[in-house]
Amino acid sequence: INFGDAGDSNIGRIRYDHGANAMTFLTNTAERIRLLSSGGITFNGDTAAANALDDYEEGTFTPVLRYANNNYSASTAEGRYIKIGRLVYYSAAITVSNAAVSGDGSALDVAGMPYTIENNSPTGHARGICTLQYFTGGSTILNTVVYGEINTSNVVLLKLYNNGNSWTSIPSSEFYRSDNNNNVFITGCYFAN
């Protein structure tokens, strides 16, 4: 299908390329979008399947805050994600109703991420930030983050001291709160398998 005027009879086109089995869309006589027969969309004349945008999804997931593979009880656990190709962007909020359950040193993690984290160090690891409403890690903490466990759907909560030491897991004892209520907020991204 050609679109044009008296000066340019085919300035815009929609065409089917039988050789490549692809649908193309042109503006100003240049290809802008190609629908590949193998699935996916490429842009501006690119024909490589590896460069195709082949997935877009938005959804929800239920994050689970854990210590030593035991689940905290959550009165609220809500997560949202957007997946573009293999890149997953996530955001979640968890309100724990039994923060006094564990005062031991077990590492905190969040299970139930929407897709398995890619096994490709270091680019596959999930990275992001986390905020704990009540955190007893002390004033020497510079940063708190999440870091993905490859080939799982879990992210570990980590802290960095302001003295430059390496990242260490946030223990459940620093999340402990005697009145039981505490909140965790995480956001970040990772590549899915």
N, C-alpha and C. Protein backbone atom coordinates (compact mmCIF):
# COMPACT_ATOMS: atom_id res chain seq x y z
N ILE A 1 0.86 -1.16 0.00
CA ILE A 1 0.00 0.00 0.00
C ILE A 1 0.91 1.22 0.00
N ASN A 2 0.72 2.07 -0.97
CA ASN A 2 1.51 3.30 -1.07
C ASN A 2 0.70 4.50 -0.60
N PHE A 3 1.36 5.41 0.08
CA PHE A 3 0.76 6.67 0.49
C PHE A 3 1.60 7.79 -0.11
N GLY A 4 0.96 8.73 -0.70
CA GLY A 4 1.71 9.81 -1.31
C GLY A 4 0.82 10.92 -1.80
N ASP A 5 1.42 11.80 -2.60
CA ASP A 5 0.69 12.89 -3.22
C ASP A 5 1.20 13.03 -4.64
N ALA A 6 0.85 14.10 -5.29
CA ALA A 6 1.23 14.28 -6.70
C ALA A 6 2.74 14.32 -6.88
N GLY A 7 3.47 14.84 -5.90
CA GLY A 7 4.92 14.93 -6.02
C GLY A 7 5.66 13.66 -5.67
N ASP A 8 5.10 12.86 -4.78
CA ASP A 8 5.74 11.62 -4.33
C ASP A 8 4.67 10.55 -4.19
N SER A 9 4.65 9.63 -5.13
CA SER A 9 3.58 8.62 -5.13
C SER A 9 3.78 7.51 -4.11
N ASN A 10 5.01 7.32 -3.61
CA ASN A 10 5.25 6.24 -2.63
C ASN A 10 6.09 6.71 -1.45
N ILE A 11 5.83 7.93 -0.99
CA ILE A 11 6.61 8.48 0.12
C ILE A 11 6.42 7.68 1.41
N GLY A 12 5.25 7.08 1.58
CA GLY A 12 4.98 6.20 2.71
C GLY A 12 4.44 4.88 2.19
N ARG A 13 4.87 3.76 2.79
CA ARG A 13 4.41 2.45 2.29
C ARG A 13 4.26 1.45 3.41
N ILE A 14 3.32 0.55 3.20
CA ILE A 14 3.22 -0.69 3.98
C ILE A 14 3.38 -1.79 2.95
N ARG A 15 4.35 -2.67 3.18
CA ARG A 15 4.57 -3.73 2.18
C ARG A 15 4.92 -5.04 2.86
N TYR A 16 4.65 -6.11 2.13
CA TYR A 16 5.03 -7.44 2.59
C TYR A 16 6.22 -7.89 1.76
N ASP A 17 7.31 -8.24 2.43
CA ASP A 17 8.53 -8.71 1.78
C ASP A 17 8.46 -10.23 1.72
N HIS A 18 8.15 -10.78 0.54
CA HIS A 18 7.98 -12.23 0.39
C HIS A 18 9.30 -12.99 0.60
N GLY A 19 10.41 -12.40 0.24
CA GLY A 19 11.70 -13.07 0.41
C GLY A 19 12.06 -13.29 1.87
N ALA A 20 11.76 -12.30 2.70
CA ALA A 20 12.08 -12.39 4.13
C ALA A 20 10.86 -12.77 4.97
N ASN A 21 9.70 -12.87 4.31
CA ASN A 21 8.45 -13.12 5.03
C ASN A 21 8.27 -12.13 6.18
N ALA A 22 8.39 -10.84 5.86
CA ALA A 22 8.29 -9.79 6.86
C ALA A 22 7.40 -8.67 6.35
N MET A 23 6.71 -8.03 7.26
CA MET A 23 5.90 -6.85 6.95
C MET A 23 6.74 -5.63 7.29
N THR A 24 6.81 -4.65 6.38
CA THR A 24 7.59 -3.45 6.62
C THR A 24 6.73 -2.21 6.49
N PHE A 25 7.12 -1.19 7.22
CA PHE A 25 6.46 0.11 7.21
C PHE A 25 7.51 1.16 6.89
N LEU A 26 7.24 1.98 5.88
CA LEU A 26 8.19 2.98 5.43
C LEU A 26 7.59 4.38 5.55
N THR A 27 8.43 5.34 5.92
CA THR A 27 8.07 6.75 5.86
C THR A 27 9.21 7.48 5.17
N ASN A 28 8.85 8.46 4.35
CA ASN A 28 9.86 9.22 3.60
C ASN A 28 10.80 8.28 2.85
N THR A 29 10.26 7.22 2.32
CA THR A 29 10.90 6.16 1.52
C THR A 29 11.91 5.29 2.30
N ALA A 30 12.02 5.46 3.60
CA ALA A 30 12.95 4.66 4.41
C ALA A 30 12.18 3.73 5.33
N GLU A 31 12.70 2.50 5.46
CA GLU A 31 12.05 1.53 6.36
C GLU A 31 12.23 1.97 7.80
N ARG A 32 11.10 1.99 8.53
CA ARG A 32 11.12 2.39 9.94
C ARG A 32 10.81 1.23 10.87
N ILE A 33 9.90 0.33 10.47
CA ILE A 33 9.50 -0.80 11.30
C ILE A 33 9.41 -2.05 10.45
N ARG A 34 9.89 -3.17 11.00
CA ARG A 34 9.80 -4.47 10.33
C ARG A 34 9.24 -5.48 11.32
N LEU A 35 8.19 -6.18 10.92
CA LEU A 35 7.64 -7.27 11.71
C LEU A 35 8.24 -8.56 11.18
N LEU A 36 9.09 -9.20 11.96
CA LEU A 36 9.81 -10.39 11.52
C LEU A 36 8.91 -11.62 11.51
N SER A 37 9.14 -12.52 10.58
CA SER A 37 8.35 -13.75 10.52
C SER A 37 8.61 -14.64 11.73
N SER A 38 9.79 -14.52 12.33
CA SER A 38 10.13 -15.31 13.52
C SER A 38 9.58 -14.69 14.80
N GLY A 39 8.95 -13.52 14.69
CA GLY A 39 8.42 -12.80 15.84
C GLY A 39 9.33 -11.65 16.20
N GLY A 40 8.76 -10.60 16.67
CA GLY A 40 9.54 -9.44 17.08
C GLY A 40 9.48 -8.31 16.07
N ILE A 41 9.91 -7.16 16.53
CA ILE A 41 9.90 -5.93 15.74
C ILE A 41 11.31 -5.38 15.70
N THR A 42 11.76 -4.97 14.51
CA THR A 42 13.03 -4.25 14.38
C THR A 42 12.74 -2.86 13.85
N PHE A 43 13.72 -1.99 13.98
CA PHE A 43 13.52 -0.59 13.63
C PHE A 43 14.59 -0.09 12.66
N ASN A 44 14.21 0.87 11.82
CA ASN A 44 15.10 1.64 10.95
C ASN A 44 15.97 0.77 10.04
N GLY A 45 15.38 -0.24 9.44
CA GLY A 45 16.08 -1.07 8.45
C GLY A 45 16.83 -2.25 9.02
N ASP A 46 16.88 -2.39 10.33
CA ASP A 46 17.57 -3.53 10.95
C ASP A 46 16.77 -4.80 10.68
N THR A 47 17.45 -5.87 10.26
CA THR A 47 16.78 -7.14 9.97
C THR A 47 17.22 -8.27 10.90
N ALA A 48 18.13 -7.98 11.83
CA ALA A 48 18.70 -9.03 12.70
C ALA A 48 17.70 -9.43 13.78
N ALA A 49 17.42 -10.72 13.86
CA ALA A 49 16.50 -11.24 14.88
C ALA A 49 17.02 -10.96 16.29
N ALA A 50 18.35 -10.95 16.46
CA ALA A 50 18.93 -10.70 17.79
C ALA A 50 18.60 -9.30 18.30
N ASN A 51 18.32 -8.37 17.40
CA ASN A 51 18.02 -6.99 17.79
C ASN A 51 16.53 -6.72 17.89
N ALA A 52 15.72 -7.73 17.66
CA ALA A 52 14.27 -7.53 17.63
C ALA A 52 13.70 -7.38 19.03
N LEU A 53 12.76 -6.48 19.16
CA LEU A 53 11.97 -6.38 20.37
C LEU A 53 10.92 -7.47 20.26
N ASP A 54 11.07 -8.51 21.09
CA ASP A 54 10.21 -9.68 20.91
C ASP A 54 9.31 -9.98 22.10
N ASP A 55 9.32 -9.09 23.11
CA ASP A 55 8.46 -9.33 24.25
C ASP A 55 8.24 -8.03 25.01
N TYR A 56 7.02 -7.80 25.40
CA TYR A 56 6.67 -6.69 26.29
C TYR A 56 5.55 -7.19 27.18
N GLU A 57 5.71 -7.00 28.48
CA GLU A 57 4.72 -7.52 29.41
C GLU A 57 4.70 -6.65 30.66
N GLU A 58 3.53 -6.42 31.21
CA GLU A 58 3.37 -5.77 32.50
C GLU A 58 2.59 -6.71 33.39
N GLY A 59 2.93 -6.75 34.67
CA GLY A 59 2.20 -7.65 35.55
C GLY A 59 2.48 -7.40 37.01
N THR A 60 1.97 -8.31 37.82
CA THR A 60 2.15 -8.24 39.26
C THR A 60 2.78 -9.54 39.75
N PHE A 61 3.40 -9.48 40.91
CA PHE A 61 3.94 -10.67 41.54
C PHE A 61 3.82 -10.50 43.05
N THR A 62 3.97 -11.60 43.78
CA THR A 62 3.86 -11.57 45.24
C THR A 62 5.24 -11.82 45.85
N PRO A 63 5.91 -10.77 46.31
CA PRO A 63 7.23 -10.95 46.93
C PRO A 63 7.09 -11.54 48.33
N VAL A 64 8.07 -12.35 48.72
CA VAL A 64 8.06 -13.01 50.03
C VAL A 64 9.38 -12.68 50.74
N LEU A 65 9.30 -11.96 51.85
CA LEU A 65 10.49 -11.66 52.65
C LEU A 65 10.81 -12.88 53.51
N ARG A 66 12.11 -13.29 53.50
CA ARG A 66 12.50 -14.51 54.20
C ARG A 66 13.77 -14.29 55.02
N TYR A 67 13.97 -15.16 55.99
CA TYR A 67 15.21 -15.27 56.74
C TYR A 67 15.48 -16.77 56.88
N ALA A 68 16.65 -17.23 56.54
CA ALA A 68 17.02 -18.65 56.64
C ALA A 68 15.95 -19.55 56.01
N ASN A 69 15.42 -19.15 54.87
CA ASN A 69 14.37 -19.87 54.14
C ASN A 69 13.05 -19.98 54.89
N ASN A 70 12.86 -19.20 55.95
CA ASN A 70 11.58 -19.09 56.65
C ASN A 70 10.90 -17.81 56.19
N ASN A 71 9.61 -17.86 55.94
CA ASN A 71 8.88 -16.68 55.48
C ASN A 71 8.40 -15.84 56.65
N TYR A 72 8.55 -14.52 56.50
CA TYR A 72 7.87 -13.62 57.42
C TYR A 72 6.40 -13.60 57.03
N SER A 73 5.53 -13.31 57.99
CA SER A 73 4.11 -13.12 57.69
C SER A 73 3.92 -11.70 57.19
N ALA A 74 3.25 -11.56 56.06
CA ALA A 74 3.07 -10.24 55.48
C ALA A 74 1.59 -9.89 55.44
N SER A 75 1.27 -8.70 55.96
CA SER A 75 -0.10 -8.23 55.83
C SER A 75 -0.32 -7.63 54.45
N THR A 76 0.77 -7.17 53.83
CA THR A 76 0.73 -6.68 52.46
C THR A 76 2.01 -7.13 51.77
N ALA A 77 1.88 -7.66 50.56
CA ALA A 77 3.04 -8.03 49.75
C ALA A 77 2.63 -7.83 48.29
N GLU A 78 3.07 -6.72 47.73
CA GLU A 78 2.67 -6.36 46.37
C GLU A 78 3.88 -6.03 45.53
N GLY A 79 3.93 -6.60 44.34
CA GLY A 79 5.00 -6.30 43.41
C GLY A 79 4.44 -6.04 42.02
N ARG A 80 5.10 -5.17 41.30
CA ARG A 80 4.73 -4.88 39.90
C ARG A 80 6.01 -4.98 39.07
N TYR A 81 5.85 -5.38 37.81
CA TYR A 81 7.01 -5.46 36.93
C TYR A 81 6.63 -5.08 35.51
N ILE A 82 7.65 -4.68 34.76
CA ILE A 82 7.56 -4.48 33.32
C ILE A 82 8.70 -5.26 32.71
N LYS A 83 8.42 -6.10 31.74
CA LYS A 83 9.44 -6.90 31.05
C LYS A 83 9.49 -6.44 29.60
N ILE A 84 10.66 -5.98 29.18
CA ILE A 84 10.89 -5.57 27.79
C ILE A 84 12.03 -6.44 27.27
N GLY A 85 11.72 -7.32 26.33
CA GLY A 85 12.71 -8.30 25.91
C GLY A 85 13.04 -9.18 27.10
N ARG A 86 14.34 -9.23 27.49
CA ARG A 86 14.74 -10.01 28.67
C ARG A 86 14.96 -9.15 29.90
N LEU A 87 14.84 -7.82 29.76
CA LEU A 87 15.06 -6.91 30.88
C LEU A 87 13.79 -6.79 31.71
N VAL A 88 13.91 -7.09 33.01
CA VAL A 88 12.78 -7.04 33.93
C VAL A 88 13.03 -5.90 34.92
N TYR A 89 12.12 -4.93 34.95
CA TYR A 89 12.16 -3.86 35.94
C TYR A 89 11.09 -4.18 36.99
N TYR A 90 11.44 -4.10 38.26
CA TYR A 90 10.49 -4.49 39.31
C TYR A 90 10.45 -3.45 40.42
N SER A 91 9.34 -3.45 41.14
CA SER A 91 9.16 -2.63 42.32
C SER A 91 8.21 -3.38 43.25
N ALA A 92 8.52 -3.39 44.54
CA ALA A 92 7.68 -4.15 45.47
C ALA A 92 7.67 -3.50 46.85
N ALA A 93 6.58 -3.75 47.56
CA ALA A 93 6.43 -3.29 48.94
C ALA A 93 5.90 -4.45 49.77
N ILE A 94 6.53 -4.65 50.93
CA ILE A 94 6.13 -5.73 51.83
C ILE A 94 5.94 -5.15 53.22
N THR A 95 4.78 -5.37 53.81
CA THR A 95 4.52 -4.99 55.19
C THR A 95 4.48 -6.27 56.02
N VAL A 96 5.44 -6.38 56.92
CA VAL A 96 5.59 -7.58 57.73
C VAL A 96 4.84 -7.39 59.05
N SER A 97 4.10 -8.43 59.44
CA SER A 97 3.34 -8.35 60.69
C SER A 97 3.97 -9.16 61.82
N ASN A 98 5.11 -9.82 61.54
CA ASN A 98 5.79 -10.58 62.60
C ASN A 98 7.30 -10.33 62.59
N ALA A 99 7.68 -9.05 62.61
CA ALA A 99 9.10 -8.70 62.56
C ALA A 99 9.85 -9.11 63.82
N ALA A 100 9.14 -9.49 64.87
CA ALA A 100 9.79 -9.92 66.12
C ALA A 100 10.06 -11.42 66.13
N VAL A 101 9.78 -12.10 65.02
CA VAL A 101 9.90 -13.56 65.01
C VAL A 101 11.35 -14.03 65.06
N SER A 102 12.27 -13.26 64.48
CA SER A 102 13.65 -13.73 64.43
C SER A 102 14.61 -12.62 64.77
N GLY A 103 15.40 -12.86 65.81
CA GLY A 103 16.44 -11.92 66.16
C GLY A 103 17.81 -12.50 65.87
N ASP A 104 17.85 -13.62 65.11
CA ASP A 104 19.14 -14.25 64.82
C ASP A 104 19.85 -13.52 63.68
N GLY A 105 20.92 -14.05 63.22
CA GLY A 105 21.72 -13.39 62.20
C GLY A 105 21.47 -13.88 60.79
N SER A 106 20.35 -14.56 60.57
CA SER A 106 20.05 -15.09 59.23
C SER A 106 19.88 -13.97 58.22
N ALA A 107 20.41 -14.17 57.03
CA ALA A 107 20.34 -13.15 55.98
C ALA A 107 18.92 -12.98 55.47
N LEU A 108 18.54 -11.73 55.19
CA LEU A 108 17.23 -11.44 54.61
C LEU A 108 17.30 -11.56 53.09
N ASP A 109 16.26 -12.15 52.51
CA ASP A 109 16.13 -12.12 51.06
C ASP A 109 14.66 -12.01 50.70
N VAL A 110 14.40 -11.71 49.43
CA VAL A 110 13.04 -11.64 48.91
C VAL A 110 12.93 -12.68 47.81
N ALA A 111 12.00 -13.61 47.98
CA ALA A 111 11.74 -14.64 46.98
C ALA A 111 10.50 -14.24 46.18
N GLY A 112 10.32 -14.91 45.04
CA GLY A 112 9.11 -14.71 44.25
C GLY A 112 9.21 -13.65 43.19
N MET A 113 10.44 -13.28 42.79
CA MET A 113 10.57 -12.32 41.70
C MET A 113 9.88 -12.91 40.47
N PRO A 114 9.44 -12.07 39.52
CA PRO A 114 8.59 -12.58 38.44
C PRO A 114 9.25 -13.53 37.44
N TYR A 115 10.57 -13.46 37.27
CA TYR A 115 11.28 -14.34 36.34
C TYR A 115 12.60 -14.79 36.96
N THR A 116 13.12 -15.90 36.50
CA THR A 116 14.42 -16.40 36.95
C THR A 116 15.52 -15.46 36.49
N ILE A 117 16.45 -15.16 37.40
CA ILE A 117 17.57 -14.25 37.12
C ILE A 117 18.61 -14.98 36.28
N GLU A 118 19.06 -14.32 35.23
CA GLU A 118 20.01 -14.89 34.28
C GLU A 118 21.32 -15.29 34.96
N ASN A 119 21.91 -16.39 34.48
CA ASN A 119 23.21 -16.85 34.96
C ASN A 119 24.28 -16.29 34.05
N ASN A 120 24.59 -15.01 34.21
CA ASN A 120 25.59 -14.34 33.38
C ASN A 120 26.25 -13.27 34.23
N SER A 121 27.26 -13.67 34.96
CA SER A 121 27.93 -12.74 35.86
C SER A 121 28.77 -11.76 35.06
N PRO A 122 28.81 -10.49 35.36
CA PRO A 122 28.00 -9.81 36.37
C PRO A 122 26.72 -9.18 35.80
N THR A 123 26.51 -9.22 34.49
CA THR A 123 25.38 -8.48 33.92
C THR A 123 24.03 -9.08 34.24
N GLY A 124 23.98 -10.36 34.56
CA GLY A 124 22.70 -10.99 34.81
C GLY A 124 22.14 -10.76 36.19
N HIS A 125 23.01 -10.38 37.13
CA HIS A 125 22.56 -10.22 38.51
C HIS A 125 21.55 -9.10 38.63
N ALA A 126 20.52 -9.36 39.43
CA ALA A 126 19.55 -8.30 39.73
C ALA A 126 20.24 -7.27 40.61
N ARG A 127 19.97 -6.04 40.31
CA ARG A 127 20.51 -4.97 41.14
C ARG A 127 19.39 -3.99 41.42
N GLY A 128 19.47 -3.37 42.55
CA GLY A 128 18.45 -2.39 42.89
C GLY A 128 18.71 -1.79 44.24
N ILE A 129 17.73 -1.08 44.73
CA ILE A 129 17.83 -0.44 46.03
C ILE A 129 16.75 -0.99 46.94
N CYS A 130 16.98 -0.90 48.24
CA CYS A 130 15.96 -1.31 49.19
C CYS A 130 15.92 -0.32 50.34
N THR A 131 14.75 -0.20 50.91
CA THR A 131 14.56 0.65 52.08
C THR A 131 13.84 -0.20 53.13
N LEU A 132 14.37 -0.18 54.34
CA LEU A 132 13.72 -0.85 55.46
C LEU A 132 13.21 0.24 56.38
N GLN A 133 11.94 0.18 56.73
CA GLN A 133 11.36 1.25 57.53
C GLN A 133 12.07 1.37 58.88
N TYR A 134 12.23 0.26 59.57
CA TYR A 134 12.96 0.26 60.83
C TYR A 134 14.17 -0.65 60.66
N PHE A 135 15.35 -0.04 60.71
CA PHE A 135 16.59 -0.77 60.44
C PHE A 135 17.55 -0.45 61.57
N THR A 136 18.03 -1.47 62.25
CA THR A 136 18.91 -1.25 63.41
C THR A 136 20.37 -1.54 63.07
N GLY A 137 20.73 -1.34 61.82
CA GLY A 137 22.09 -1.62 61.38
C GLY A 137 23.11 -0.60 61.82
N GLY A 138 22.66 0.50 62.40
CA GLY A 138 23.59 1.50 62.92
C GLY A 138 23.84 2.64 61.94
N SER A 139 24.52 3.65 62.42
CA SER A 139 24.75 4.86 61.63
C SER A 139 25.93 4.72 60.68
N THR A 140 26.65 3.61 60.74
CA THR A 140 27.81 3.44 59.86
C THR A 140 27.45 2.81 58.52
N ILE A 141 26.15 2.60 58.26
CA ILE A 141 25.71 2.02 57.00
C ILE A 141 25.62 3.12 55.95
N LEU A 142 26.29 2.91 54.85
CA LEU A 142 26.29 3.88 53.76
C LEU A 142 25.13 3.64 52.80
N ASN A 143 24.83 2.37 52.52
CA ASN A 143 23.86 2.04 51.49
C ASN A 143 23.22 0.69 51.76
N THR A 144 21.98 0.53 51.33
CA THR A 144 21.34 -0.79 51.32
C THR A 144 20.85 -1.05 49.91
N VAL A 145 21.08 -2.26 49.43
CA VAL A 145 20.74 -2.62 48.06
C VAL A 145 20.17 -4.04 48.01
N VAL A 146 19.68 -4.41 46.83
CA VAL A 146 19.32 -5.81 46.59
C VAL A 146 20.24 -6.34 45.50
N TYR A 147 20.55 -7.62 45.60
CA TYR A 147 21.45 -8.26 44.65
C TYR A 147 20.89 -9.64 44.34
N GLY A 148 20.77 -9.97 43.08
CA GLY A 148 20.13 -11.20 42.67
C GLY A 148 20.97 -12.44 42.81
N GLU A 149 20.31 -13.52 43.14
CA GLU A 149 20.95 -14.83 43.16
C GLU A 149 20.67 -15.47 41.80
N ILE A 150 21.73 -15.74 41.03
CA ILE A 150 21.55 -16.25 39.67
C ILE A 150 20.84 -17.59 39.67
N ASN A 151 20.10 -17.83 38.61
CA ASN A 151 19.32 -19.05 38.40
C ASN A 151 18.25 -19.26 39.48
N THR A 152 17.83 -18.19 40.14
CA THR A 152 16.73 -18.24 41.10
C THR A 152 15.81 -17.06 40.80
N SER A 153 14.75 -16.96 41.57
CA SER A 153 13.91 -15.77 41.51
C SER A 153 13.96 -15.05 42.86
N ASN A 154 15.18 -14.98 43.43
CA ASN A 154 15.40 -14.38 44.75
C ASN A 154 16.40 -13.24 44.65
N VAL A 155 16.19 -12.22 45.49
CA VAL A 155 17.18 -11.15 45.65
C VAL A 155 17.55 -11.06 47.12
N VAL A 156 18.84 -10.85 47.40
CA VAL A 156 19.36 -10.76 48.76
C VAL A 156 19.47 -9.28 49.13
N LEU A 157 19.12 -8.94 50.37
CA LEU A 157 19.27 -7.57 50.86
C LEU A 157 20.68 -7.42 51.42
N LEU A 158 21.40 -6.40 50.94
CA LEU A 158 22.79 -6.17 51.34
C LEU A 158 22.97 -4.78 51.90
N LYS A 159 24.04 -4.62 52.69
CA LYS A 159 24.41 -3.31 53.24
C LYS A 159 25.89 -3.06 52.98
N LEU A 160 26.23 -1.80 52.89
CA LEU A 160 27.63 -1.39 52.74
C LEU A 160 27.94 -0.40 53.85
N TYR A 161 29.00 -0.66 54.60
CA TYR A 161 29.42 0.25 55.65
C TYR A 161 30.17 1.43 55.02
N ASN A 162 30.11 2.57 55.67
CA ASN A 162 30.77 3.75 55.11
C ASN A 162 32.28 3.74 55.24
N ASN A 163 32.86 2.67 55.78
CA ASN A 163 34.31 2.55 55.85
C ASN A 163 34.89 1.88 54.60
N GLY A 164 34.03 1.60 53.61
CA GLY A 164 34.50 1.05 52.36
C GLY A 164 34.61 -0.46 52.31
N ASN A 165 34.24 -1.15 53.40
CA ASN A 165 34.28 -2.60 53.37
C ASN A 165 33.30 -3.14 52.34
N SER A 166 33.42 -4.40 52.03
CA SER A 166 32.57 -5.00 51.01
C SER A 166 31.14 -5.15 51.50
N TRP A 167 30.26 -5.45 50.54
CA TRP A 167 28.85 -5.66 50.83
C TRP A 167 28.68 -6.89 51.71
N THR A 168 27.75 -6.81 52.65
CA THR A 168 27.41 -7.96 53.49
C THR A 168 25.88 -8.07 53.58
N SER A 169 25.41 -9.26 53.85
CA SER A 169 23.97 -9.50 53.97
C SER A 169 23.40 -8.74 55.16
N ILE A 170 22.15 -8.32 55.02
CA ILE A 170 21.45 -7.70 56.15
C ILE A 170 20.86 -8.84 56.98
N PRO A 171 21.27 -8.97 58.25
CA PRO A 171 20.74 -10.06 59.07
C PRO A 171 19.35 -9.72 59.60
N SER A 172 18.59 -10.76 59.88
CA SER A 172 17.24 -10.56 60.41
C SER A 172 17.26 -9.82 61.74
N SER A 173 18.36 -9.92 62.47
CA SER A 173 18.45 -9.22 63.76
C SER A 173 18.40 -7.71 63.59
N GLU A 174 18.79 -7.19 62.43
CA GLU A 174 18.74 -5.75 62.18
C GLU A 174 17.39 -5.31 61.62
N PHE A 175 16.52 -6.28 61.33
CA PHE A 175 15.16 -6.01 60.87
C PHE A 175 14.16 -6.23 62.01
N TYR A 176 14.66 -6.82 63.08
CA TYR A 176 13.84 -7.19 64.24
C TYR A 176 13.16 -5.96 64.82
N ARG A 177 11.87 -6.10 65.15
CA ARG A 177 11.12 -5.02 65.81
C ARG A 177 10.14 -5.65 66.77
N SER A 178 10.21 -5.28 68.02
CA SER A 178 9.43 -5.97 69.06
C SER A 178 7.92 -5.82 68.87
N ASP A 179 7.46 -4.73 68.26
CA ASP A 179 6.00 -4.59 68.06
C ASP A 179 5.53 -5.29 66.78
N ASN A 180 6.45 -5.99 66.12
CA ASN A 180 6.14 -6.86 64.98
C ASN A 180 5.98 -6.17 63.62
N ASN A 181 5.68 -4.90 63.54
CA ASN A 181 5.40 -4.27 62.25
C ASN A 181 6.65 -3.64 61.65
N ASN A 182 6.89 -3.94 60.39
CA ASN A 182 8.02 -3.36 59.67
C ASN A 182 7.73 -3.41 58.18
N ASN A 183 8.39 -2.55 57.42
CA ASN A 183 8.18 -2.47 55.97
C ASN A 183 9.48 -2.57 55.21
N VAL A 184 9.39 -3.17 54.02
CA VAL A 184 10.53 -3.27 53.10
C VAL A 184 10.04 -2.81 51.73
N PHE A 185 10.83 -1.96 51.08
CA PHE A 185 10.53 -1.50 49.73
C PHE A 185 11.76 -1.80 48.87
N ILE A 186 11.55 -2.42 47.71
CA ILE A 186 12.66 -2.72 46.80
C ILE A 186 12.29 -2.28 45.39
N THR A 187 13.28 -1.91 44.63
CA THR A 187 13.09 -1.61 43.22
C THR A 187 14.41 -1.85 42.50
N GLY A 188 14.35 -2.29 41.26
CA GLY A 188 15.56 -2.57 40.50
C GLY A 188 15.26 -3.22 39.18
N CYS A 189 16.29 -3.84 38.59
CA CYS A 189 16.11 -4.52 37.31
C CYS A 189 17.11 -5.66 37.18
N TYR A 190 16.82 -6.57 36.26
CA TYR A 190 17.70 -7.70 35.97
C TYR A 190 17.36 -8.29 34.62
N PHE A 191 18.27 -9.12 34.11
CA PHE A 191 18.02 -9.86 32.89
C PHE A 191 17.48 -11.24 33.25
N ALA A 192 16.41 -11.63 32.59
CA ALA A 192 15.80 -12.94 32.81
C ALA A 192 16.44 -13.96 31.89
N ASN A 193 16.38 -15.25 32.29
CA ASN A 193 16.86 -16.33 31.44
C ASN A 193 16.09 -16.38 30.14
